[in-house]
Amino acid sequence: MAYALYKRHKRNWADKMRSEDPSAPSREQEEMFAASNATDDQLERYRKDAQDALLSFANAIVEQQRPGIEAEAISNELRMASDAIKDSGSFLALLKVGVASTIISTALLALLAFGTDRFGLDLLDALKTQGAASNSQTDAVGDLGR
């Protein structure tokens, strides 16, 4: 694309030369034109102009296709939401799982309460005893440091 811009520039230059002087530009003049336009700055300008033209073209295509792209995106979102709802299961299946988990949790708590009552374990006293033992060990370590 940058080369096409250079060629258009050269053609415009040659047309201007012909309008001023009916004879075609000489080979020497064409070489001077090429040399003057082969500088790094001018080549970078051709590249930048080419990039701008391509971006403009791409933006025009995207704008032209935007309604279809948006419609397809919305359709895909709806399809994904529908699939997620289908995969989540029915209300009845979810209700069965909830009831089963509640029964299991209740049974475990009842078993824990029965075991505590049957074997005479008091969890609060066990925790307090454990905490007191921990504090006495800390005090003992502190006494050694003195």
Protein backbone atom coordinates (compact mmCIF):
# COMPACT_ATOMS: atom_id res chain seq x y z
CA MET A 1 0.00 0.00 0.00
CA ALA A 2 2.88 2.38 0.82
CA TYR A 3 4.39 1.66 -2.61
CA ALA A 4 1.05 2.48 -4.25
CA LEU A 5 1.06 5.81 -2.43
CA TYR A 6 4.59 6.48 -3.69
CA LYS A 7 3.54 5.61 -7.27
CA ARG A 8 0.50 7.91 -7.02
CA HIS A 9 2.77 10.70 -5.74
CA LYS A 10 5.17 10.10 -8.62
CA ARG A 11 2.33 10.08 -11.17
CA ASN A 12 0.94 13.36 -9.78
CA TRP A 13 4.44 14.86 -9.90
CA ALA A 14 4.88 13.72 -13.53
CA ASP A 15 1.45 15.14 -14.49
CA LYS A 16 2.39 18.48 -12.93
CA MET A 17 5.73 18.44 -14.76
CA ARG A 18 3.92 17.76 -18.06
CA SER A 19 1.45 20.61 -17.42
CA GLU A 20 4.35 23.03 -17.02
CA ASP A 21 6.47 21.53 -19.80
CA PRO A 22 4.76 19.37 -22.44
CA SER A 23 7.79 17.07 -22.70
CA ALA A 24 7.76 14.11 -20.31
CA PRO A 25 10.04 14.31 -17.27
CA SER A 26 13.55 13.18 -18.14
CA ARG A 27 15.08 10.06 -16.67
CA GLU A 28 17.40 12.29 -14.65
CA GLN A 29 14.40 14.19 -13.17
CA GLU A 30 12.67 10.90 -12.32
CA GLU A 31 15.82 9.68 -10.55
CA MET A 32 16.00 12.95 -8.62
CA PHE A 33 12.34 12.54 -7.63
CA ALA A 34 12.98 8.98 -6.47
CA ALA A 35 16.08 10.03 -4.49
CA SER A 36 14.26 12.92 -2.83
CA ASN A 37 11.39 10.65 -1.85
CA ALA A 38 13.57 7.82 -0.56
CA THR A 39 14.46 9.61 2.67
CA ASP A 40 13.59 7.88 5.93
CA ASP A 41 11.07 10.58 6.81
CA GLN A 42 9.25 10.34 3.46
CA LEU A 43 9.21 6.53 3.53
CA GLU A 44 7.81 6.64 7.06
CA ARG A 45 5.14 9.08 5.85
CA TYR A 46 4.15 6.67 3.05
CA ARG A 47 3.94 3.83 5.60
CA LYS A 48 1.89 5.92 8.02
CA ASP A 49 -0.47 7.07 5.27
CA ALA A 50 -0.88 3.45 4.13
CA GLN A 51 -1.59 2.33 7.69
CA ASP A 52 -4.14 5.11 8.14
CA ALA A 53 -5.86 4.17 4.88
CA LEU A 54 -6.03 0.50 5.88
CA LEU A 55 -7.38 1.37 9.34
CA SER A 56 -9.98 3.63 7.76
CA PHE A 57 -11.00 0.84 5.40
CA ALA A 58 -11.19 -1.68 8.26
CA ASN A 59 -13.28 0.71 10.36
CA ALA A 60 -15.66 1.26 7.46
CA ILE A 61 -16.11 -2.50 7.04
CA VAL A 62 -16.69 -2.98 10.77
CA GLU A 63 -19.26 -0.17 10.82
CA GLN A 64 -20.98 -1.70 7.81
CA GLN A 65 -21.09 -5.12 9.49
CA ARG A 66 -21.88 -3.82 13.01
CA PRO A 67 -25.64 -4.64 12.97
CA GLY A 68 -24.94 -8.24 12.00
CA ILE A 69 -22.12 -8.56 14.51
CA GLU A 70 -24.31 -7.19 17.31
CA ALA A 71 -27.22 -9.46 16.38
CA GLU A 72 -24.93 -12.49 16.33
CA ALA A 73 -23.39 -11.54 19.68
CA ILE A 74 -26.83 -11.16 21.29
CA SER A 75 -27.95 -14.45 19.77
CA ASN A 76 -24.86 -16.20 21.16
CA GLU A 77 -25.44 -14.67 24.61
CA LEU A 78 -29.06 -15.88 24.60
CA ARG A 79 -27.98 -19.34 23.48
CA MET A 80 -25.35 -19.53 26.24
CA ALA A 81 -27.87 -18.38 28.88
CA SER A 82 -30.38 -20.94 27.64
CA ASP A 83 -27.77 -23.71 27.81
CA ALA A 84 -26.80 -22.65 31.34
CA ILE A 85 -30.44 -22.83 32.45
CA LYS A 86 -30.84 -26.27 30.86
CA ASP A 87 -27.64 -27.51 32.51
CA SER A 88 -28.65 -26.24 35.95
CA GLY A 89 -31.28 -28.95 36.32
CA SER A 90 -34.96 -28.89 37.11
CA PHE A 91 -36.47 -27.38 40.21
CA LEU A 92 -37.57 -30.80 41.42
CA ALA A 93 -34.03 -32.21 41.11
CA LEU A 94 -32.60 -29.24 43.00
CA LEU A 95 -35.28 -29.62 45.69
CA LYS A 96 -34.37 -33.31 46.15
CA VAL A 97 -30.70 -32.42 46.58
CA GLY A 98 -31.56 -29.71 49.12
CA VAL A 99 -33.78 -32.01 51.18
CA ALA A 100 -31.19 -34.80 51.12
CA SER A 101 -28.40 -32.47 52.26
CA THR A 102 -30.60 -31.12 55.08
CA ILE A 103 -31.42 -34.66 56.28
CA ILE A 104 -27.74 -35.65 56.22
CA SER A 105 -26.67 -32.51 58.11
CA THR A 106 -29.39 -33.04 60.72
CA ALA A 107 -28.42 -36.70 61.15
CA LEU A 108 -24.77 -35.78 61.67
CA LEU A 109 -25.67 -33.15 64.27
CA ALA A 110 -28.00 -35.61 66.05
CA LEU A 111 -25.24 -38.25 66.05
CA LEU A 112 -22.78 -35.74 67.49
CA ALA A 113 -25.26 -34.72 70.21
CA PHE A 114 -26.02 -38.39 71.03
CA GLY A 115 -22.31 -39.25 71.21
CA THR A 116 -21.60 -36.27 73.43
CA ASP A 117 -24.45 -37.17 75.78
CA ARG A 118 -23.75 -40.92 75.78
CA PHE A 119 -20.01 -40.71 76.40
CA GLY A 120 -20.13 -37.66 78.66
CA LEU A 121 -18.07 -35.44 76.47
CA ASP A 122 -18.57 -31.73 76.82
CA LEU A 123 -17.01 -29.95 73.88
CA LEU A 124 -16.97 -26.56 75.58
CA ASP A 125 -15.09 -27.94 78.59
CA ALA A 126 -12.65 -29.69 76.23
CA LEU A 127 -11.98 -26.43 74.44
CA LYS A 128 -11.56 -24.55 77.72
CA THR A 129 -9.17 -27.25 78.99
CA GLN A 130 -7.19 -27.09 75.76
CA GLY A 131 -7.00 -23.29 76.03
CA ALA A 132 -5.84 -23.46 79.67
CA ALA A 133 -3.15 -26.00 78.75
CA SER A 134 -1.96 -23.74 75.97
CA ASN A 135 -1.76 -20.73 78.33
CA SER A 136 0.19 -22.68 80.97
CA GLN A 137 2.70 -23.81 78.33
CA THR A 138 3.16 -20.19 77.22
CA ASP A 139 3.71 -19.13 80.85
CA ALA A 140 6.27 -21.91 81.35
CA VAL A 141 8.19 -20.82 78.27
CA GLY A 142 8.08 -17.24 79.51
CA ASP A 143 9.50 -18.29 82.90
CA LEU A 144 12.44 -20.02 81.22
CA GLY A 145 13.37 -16.79 79.46
CA ARG A 146 13.72 -14.89 82.74
